[in-house]
Amino acid sequence: FNLYMEMLDQAVNALKEGKEPTLENLLQQQTEVDLKLPALLPADYIHDVNARLGIYKRVASCANLNDMDELQVELIDRFGLLPDATKNLFSLQQLKLKASAIGINKIEANPKGGYFEFSQHTKVNPSFIIGLIQSAPHIYKMDGASKLRFAISEANPHERLKMVTAMIADFEKKVSH
């Protein structure tokens, strides 16, 4: 919901300044997530390209878990059980919503590790991050003022997704109110 209010504010401000609000500008507020894992609607699952595009838009505009569950049920009704790559698409969208809500702009993870990039207005408690670094300096380190790097090797993309999801859950528990 906050994301939508933020997008609405941006659109209103853009109009006040005589600029046209663009979808790209509004969507750049969404957290970027790259876990090097296949997350898509395969052509052999949804044959019609326009239907696929429409569903990508709907996945991207899911504002909460309830919206996502409803969309997944609808896809199963229309096209059959979700392929793994489509389940990943929903998992990543869920991750984006959670990360965005606590002020994480970008998450990247590959087989050797990755990083979280925090926004200026992150809700994650800085002392929690400092604690992580102090407890495991060989794993966690800051890169500049807003990037927390982690050196955790995980070659399996599904395990990587689980690991990043668990890390976000830890961050959520440690938000400053």
C-alpha atoms as a PDB file:
ATOM      1  CA  PHE A   1       0.000   0.000   0.000  1.00  0.00           C
ATOM      2  CA  ASN A   2       2.820   2.417   0.837  1.00  0.00           C
ATOM      3  CA  LEU A   3       4.325   1.717  -2.567  1.00  0.00           C
ATOM      4  CA  TYR A   4       1.076   2.800  -4.241  1.00  0.00           C
ATOM      5  CA  MET A   5       0.845   5.951  -2.132  1.00  0.00           C
ATOM      6  CA  GLU A   6       4.443   6.720  -3.032  1.00  0.00           C
ATOM      7  CA  MET A   7       3.715   6.117  -6.727  1.00  0.00           C
ATOM      8  CA  LEU A   8       0.624   8.310  -6.498  1.00  0.00           C
ATOM      9  CA  ASP A   9       2.626  11.082  -4.804  1.00  0.00           C
ATOM     10  CA  GLN A  10       5.258  10.856  -7.523  1.00  0.00           C
ATOM     11  CA  ALA A  11       2.617  11.012 -10.239  1.00  0.00           C
ATOM     12  CA  VAL A  12       0.972  14.059  -8.604  1.00  0.00           C
ATOM     13  CA  ASN A  13       4.351  15.802  -8.189  1.00  0.00           C
ATOM     14  CA  ALA A  14       5.280  15.054 -11.796  1.00  0.00           C
ATOM     15  CA  LEU A  15       1.980  16.561 -12.987  1.00  0.00           C
ATOM     16  CA  LYS A  16       2.488  19.640 -10.782  1.00  0.00           C
ATOM     17  CA  GLU A  17       5.887  20.150 -12.403  1.00  0.00           C
ATOM     18  CA  GLY A  18       4.249  19.840 -15.816  1.00  0.00           C
ATOM     19  CA  LYS A  19       5.880  16.464 -16.487  1.00  0.00           C
ATOM     20  CA  GLU A  20       4.041  13.362 -17.610  1.00  0.00           C
ATOM     21  CA  PRO A  21       4.360  10.567 -15.019  1.00  0.00           C
ATOM     22  CA  THR A  22       5.755   7.501 -16.777  1.00  0.00           C
ATOM     23  CA  LEU A  23       5.272   3.892 -15.809  1.00  0.00           C
ATOM     24  CA  GLU A  24       9.049   3.465 -15.823  1.00  0.00           C
ATOM     25  CA  ASN A  25       9.531   6.231 -13.248  1.00  0.00           C
ATOM     26  CA  LEU A  26       6.807   4.806 -11.064  1.00  0.00           C
ATOM     27  CA  LEU A  27       8.146   1.280 -11.259  1.00  0.00           C
ATOM     28  CA  GLN A  28      11.727   2.251 -10.512  1.00  0.00           C
ATOM     29  CA  GLN A  29      10.583   2.476  -6.894  1.00  0.00           C
ATOM     30  CA  GLN A  30      10.126  -1.291  -6.887  1.00  0.00           C
ATOM     31  CA  THR A  31      12.959  -3.268  -5.381  1.00  0.00           C
ATOM     32  CA  GLU A  32      15.218  -4.930  -7.926  1.00  0.00           C
ATOM     33  CA  VAL A  33      15.891  -8.597  -7.245  1.00  0.00           C
ATOM     34  CA  ASP A  34      18.337 -10.775  -9.156  1.00  0.00           C
ATOM     35  CA  LEU A  35      19.018 -14.210  -7.712  1.00  0.00           C
ATOM     36  CA  LYS A  36      20.270 -15.793 -10.955  1.00  0.00           C
ATOM     37  CA  LEU A  37      17.298 -18.118 -11.088  1.00  0.00           C
ATOM     38  CA  PRO A  38      14.746 -18.746 -13.855  1.00  0.00           C
ATOM     39  CA  ALA A  39      11.601 -16.733 -13.051  1.00  0.00           C
ATOM     40  CA  LEU A  40       9.191 -16.586 -15.962  1.00  0.00           C
ATOM     41  CA  LEU A  41       5.980 -17.710 -17.626  1.00  0.00           C
ATOM     42  CA  PRO A  42       7.208 -20.362 -20.094  1.00  0.00           C
ATOM     43  CA  ALA A  43       5.768 -20.258 -23.628  1.00  0.00           C
ATOM     44  CA  ASP A  44       4.757 -23.912 -23.337  1.00  0.00           C
ATOM     45  CA  TYR A  45       2.727 -23.049 -20.219  1.00  0.00           C
ATOM     46  CA  ILE A  46       0.933 -19.981 -21.621  1.00  0.00           C
ATOM     47  CA  HIS A  47       1.077 -20.179 -25.411  1.00  0.00           C
ATOM     48  CA  ASP A  48      -0.451 -16.779 -26.215  1.00  0.00           C
ATOM     49  CA  VAL A  49       2.167 -14.017 -26.013  1.00  0.00           C
ATOM     50  CA  ASN A  50      -0.388 -11.296 -25.177  1.00  0.00           C
ATOM     51  CA  ALA A  51      -1.837 -13.394 -22.363  1.00  0.00           C
ATOM     52  CA  ARG A  52       1.710 -13.893 -21.025  1.00  0.00           C
ATOM     53  CA  LEU A  53       2.444 -10.154 -21.125  1.00  0.00           C
ATOM     54  CA  GLY A  54      -0.841  -9.383 -19.375  1.00  0.00           C
ATOM     55  CA  ILE A  55      -0.026 -11.853 -16.623  1.00  0.00           C
ATOM     56  CA  TYR A  56       3.499 -10.471 -16.164  1.00  0.00           C
ATOM     57  CA  LYS A  57       1.896  -7.048 -15.602  1.00  0.00           C
ATOM     58  CA  ARG A  58      -0.546  -8.542 -13.120  1.00  0.00           C
ATOM     59  CA  VAL A  59       2.236 -10.317 -11.207  1.00  0.00           C
ATOM     60  CA  ALA A  60       4.213  -7.052 -11.046  1.00  0.00           C
ATOM     61  CA  SER A  61       1.168  -5.179  -9.746  1.00  0.00           C
ATOM     62  CA  CYS A  62       0.352  -7.671  -6.966  1.00  0.00           C
ATOM     63  CA  ALA A  63       0.399  -5.497  -3.861  1.00  0.00           C
ATOM     64  CA  ASN A  64       0.210  -8.246  -1.246  1.00  0.00           C
ATOM     65  CA  LEU A  65       0.305 -11.988  -0.667  1.00  0.00           C
ATOM     66  CA  ASN A  66      -3.454 -12.265  -1.027  1.00  0.00           C
ATOM     67  CA  ASP A  67      -3.338 -10.794  -4.563  1.00  0.00           C
ATOM     68  CA  MET A  68      -0.577 -13.255  -5.427  1.00  0.00           C
ATOM     69  CA  ASP A  69      -2.470 -16.254  -4.076  1.00  0.00           C
ATOM     70  CA  GLU A  70      -5.563 -15.282  -6.077  1.00  0.00           C
ATOM     71  CA  LEU A  71      -3.538 -14.867  -9.268  1.00  0.00           C
ATOM     72  CA  GLN A  72      -1.800 -18.218  -8.745  1.00  0.00           C
ATOM     73  CA  VAL A  73      -5.154 -19.962  -8.235  1.00  0.00           C
ATOM     74  CA  GLU A  74      -6.459 -18.306 -11.413  1.00  0.00           C
ATOM     75  CA  LEU A  75      -3.393 -19.450 -13.405  1.00  0.00           C
ATOM     76  CA  ILE A  76      -3.772 -23.021 -12.149  1.00  0.00           C
ATOM     77  CA  ASP A  77      -7.468 -22.962 -13.146  1.00  0.00           C
ATOM     78  CA  ARG A  78      -6.695 -21.584 -16.613  1.00  0.00           C
ATOM     79  CA  PHE A  79      -3.381 -23.226 -17.529  1.00  0.00           C
ATOM     80  CA  GLY A  80      -2.712 -26.065 -15.076  1.00  0.00           C
ATOM     81  CA  LEU A  81      -0.123 -26.486 -12.327  1.00  0.00           C
ATOM     82  CA  LEU A  82       2.544 -23.790 -12.118  1.00  0.00           C
ATOM     83  CA  PRO A  83       5.936 -24.718 -13.594  1.00  0.00           C
ATOM     84  CA  ASP A  84       8.937 -24.144 -11.282  1.00  0.00           C
ATOM     85  CA  ALA A  85      10.023 -21.022 -13.176  1.00  0.00           C
ATOM     86  CA  THR A  86       6.545 -19.530 -12.600  1.00  0.00           C
ATOM     87  CA  LYS A  87       6.617 -20.410  -8.899  1.00  0.00           C
ATOM     88  CA  ASN A  88       9.965 -18.561  -8.798  1.00  0.00           C
ATOM     89  CA  LEU A  89       8.357 -15.533 -10.446  1.00  0.00           C
ATOM     90  CA  PHE A  90       5.830 -15.333  -7.594  1.00  0.00           C
ATOM     91  CA  SER A  91       8.495 -15.966  -4.933  1.00  0.00           C
ATOM     92  CA  LEU A  92      10.588 -13.098  -6.319  1.00  0.00           C
ATOM     93  CA  GLN A  93       7.570 -10.767  -6.386  1.00  0.00           C
ATOM     94  CA  GLN A  94       6.875 -11.681  -2.752  1.00  0.00           C
ATOM     95  CA  LEU A  95      10.519 -10.931  -1.922  1.00  0.00           C
ATOM     96  CA  LYS A  96      10.275  -7.564  -3.728  1.00  0.00           C
ATOM     97  CA  LEU A  97       7.214  -6.567  -1.695  1.00  0.00           C
ATOM     98  CA  LYS A  98       8.838  -7.504   1.602  1.00  0.00           C
ATOM     99  CA  ALA A  99      12.166  -5.868   0.735  1.00  0.00           C
ATOM    100  CA  SER A 100      10.470  -2.736  -0.551  1.00  0.00           C
ATOM    101  CA  ALA A 101       8.393  -2.430   2.652  1.00  0.00           C
ATOM    102  CA  ILE A 102      11.532  -2.324   4.819  1.00  0.00           C
ATOM    103  CA  GLY A 103      13.554  -0.050   2.546  1.00  0.00           C
ATOM    104  CA  ILE A 104      15.771  -2.356   0.522  1.00  0.00           C
ATOM    105  CA  ASN A 105      16.326  -1.090  -3.042  1.00  0.00           C
ATOM    106  CA  LYS A 106      18.186  -3.984  -4.549  1.00  0.00           C
ATOM    107  CA  ILE A 107      19.055  -7.592  -3.813  1.00  0.00           C
ATOM    108  CA  GLU A 108      21.527  -9.572  -5.818  1.00  0.00           C
ATOM    109  CA  ALA A 109      22.688 -13.122  -5.133  1.00  0.00           C
ATOM    110  CA  ASN A 110      24.776 -15.518  -7.187  1.00  0.00           C
ATOM    111  CA  PRO A 111      26.427 -18.872  -6.388  1.00  0.00           C
ATOM    112  CA  LYS A 112      29.244 -17.127  -4.452  1.00  0.00           C
ATOM    113  CA  GLY A 113      27.286 -14.553  -2.453  1.00  0.00           C
ATOM    114  CA  GLY A 114      25.634 -11.213  -3.075  1.00  0.00           C
ATOM    115  CA  TYR A 115      24.420  -8.013  -1.470  1.00  0.00           C
ATOM    116  CA  PHE A 116      21.505  -5.993  -0.131  1.00  0.00           C
ATOM    117  CA  GLU A 117      21.357  -2.310  -1.010  1.00  0.00           C
ATOM    118  CA  PHE A 118      19.436  -0.255   1.548  1.00  0.00           C
ATOM    119  CA  SER A 119      17.517   2.912   0.720  1.00  0.00           C
ATOM    120  CA  GLN A 120      18.225   6.145   2.603  1.00  0.00           C
ATOM    121  CA  HIS A 121      14.958   5.607   4.448  1.00  0.00           C
ATOM    122  CA  THR A 122      15.468   1.940   5.296  1.00  0.00           C
ATOM    123  CA  LYS A 123      13.572   0.631   8.319  1.00  0.00           C
ATOM    124  CA  VAL A 124      16.207  -2.014   9.032  1.00  0.00           C
ATOM    125  CA  ASN A 125      17.878  -1.265  12.344  1.00  0.00           C
ATOM    126  CA  PRO A 126      21.524  -0.268  11.700  1.00  0.00           C
ATOM    127  CA  SER A 127      22.649  -1.882  14.958  1.00  0.00           C
ATOM    128  CA  PHE A 128      21.341  -5.234  13.672  1.00  0.00           C
ATOM    129  CA  ILE A 129      23.506  -4.872  10.548  1.00  0.00           C
ATOM    130  CA  ILE A 130      26.530  -3.880  12.642  1.00  0.00           C
ATOM    131  CA  GLY A 131      25.865  -6.936  14.841  1.00  0.00           C
ATOM    132  CA  LEU A 132      25.827  -9.204  11.766  1.00  0.00           C
ATOM    133  CA  ILE A 133      29.167  -7.824  10.578  1.00  0.00           C
ATOM    134  CA  GLN A 134      30.749  -8.131  14.036  1.00  0.00           C
ATOM    135  CA  SER A 135      29.493 -11.685  14.569  1.00  0.00           C
ATOM    136  CA  ALA A 136      30.659 -12.925  11.143  1.00  0.00           C
ATOM    137  CA  PRO A 137      33.150 -10.493   9.541  1.00  0.00           C
ATOM    138  CA  HIS A 138      34.312 -13.216   7.111  1.00  0.00           C
ATOM    139  CA  ILE A 139      30.733 -13.384   5.733  1.00  0.00           C
ATOM    140  CA  TYR A 140      29.280  -9.875   6.059  1.00  0.00           C
ATOM    141  CA  LYS A 141      30.839  -6.543   5.187  1.00  0.00           C
ATOM    142  CA  MET A 142      29.671  -3.089   4.203  1.00  0.00           C
ATOM    143  CA  ASP A 143      30.491  -1.824   0.729  1.00  0.00           C
ATOM    144  CA  GLY A 144      30.027   1.937   0.879  1.00  0.00           C
ATOM    145  CA  ALA A 145      27.307   3.392   3.062  1.00  0.00           C
ATOM    146  CA  SER A 146      24.318   1.427   1.818  1.00  0.00           C
ATOM    147  CA  LYS A 147      25.453  -2.004   0.590  1.00  0.00           C
ATOM    148  CA  LEU A 148      25.730  -5.040   2.823  1.00  0.00           C
ATOM    149  CA  ARG A 149      27.689  -7.788   1.051  1.00  0.00           C
ATOM    150  CA  PHE A 150      27.455 -11.426   2.099  1.00  0.00           C
ATOM    151  CA  ALA A 151      29.893 -14.170   1.110  1.00  0.00           C
ATOM    152  CA  ILE A 152      27.735 -17.273   1.331  1.00  0.00           C
ATOM    153  CA  SER A 153      28.246 -19.874  -1.378  1.00  0.00           C
ATOM    154  CA  GLU A 154      25.013 -21.443  -2.575  1.00  0.00           C
ATOM    155  CA  ALA A 155      25.057 -23.015  -6.020  1.00  0.00           C
ATOM    156  CA  ASN A 156      21.459 -24.279  -5.868  1.00  0.00           C
ATOM    157  CA  PRO A 157      19.150 -21.439  -7.003  1.00  0.00           C
ATOM    158  CA  HIS A 158      16.214 -22.708  -4.883  1.00  0.00           C
ATOM    159  CA  GLU A 159      18.361 -22.824  -1.755  1.00  0.00           C
ATOM    160  CA  ARG A 160      19.618 -19.327  -2.645  1.00  0.00           C
ATOM    161  CA  LEU A 161      16.020 -18.094  -2.825  1.00  0.00           C
ATOM    162  CA  LYS A 162      15.272 -19.693   0.570  1.00  0.00           C
ATOM    163  CA  MET A 163      18.396 -18.170   2.081  1.00  0.00           C
ATOM    164  CA  VAL A 164      17.649 -14.627   0.847  1.00  0.00           C
ATOM    165  CA  THR A 165      13.999 -14.987   1.944  1.00  0.00           C
ATOM    166  CA  ALA A 166      15.191 -16.009   5.429  1.00  0.00           C
ATOM    167  CA  MET A 167      17.596 -13.033   5.544  1.00  0.00           C
ATOM    168  CA  ILE A 168      14.757 -10.655   4.636  1.00  0.00           C
ATOM    169  CA  ALA A 169      12.632 -12.247   7.392  1.00  0.00           C
ATOM    170  CA  ASP A 170      15.478 -11.527   9.856  1.00  0.00           C
ATOM    171  CA  PHE A 171      15.649  -7.912   8.665  1.00  0.00           C
ATOM    172  CA  GLU A 172      11.852  -7.603   9.079  1.00  0.00           C
ATOM    173  CA  LYS A 173      12.135  -8.673  12.728  1.00  0.00           C
ATOM    174  CA  LYS A 174      14.720  -5.936  13.317  1.00  0.00           C
ATOM    175  CA  VAL A 175      12.994  -2.894  11.859  1.00  0.00           C
ATOM    176  CA  SER A 176      13.098   0.406  13.712  1.00  0.00           C
ATOM    177  CA  HIS A 177       9.614   1.705  14.409  1.00  0.00           C
END
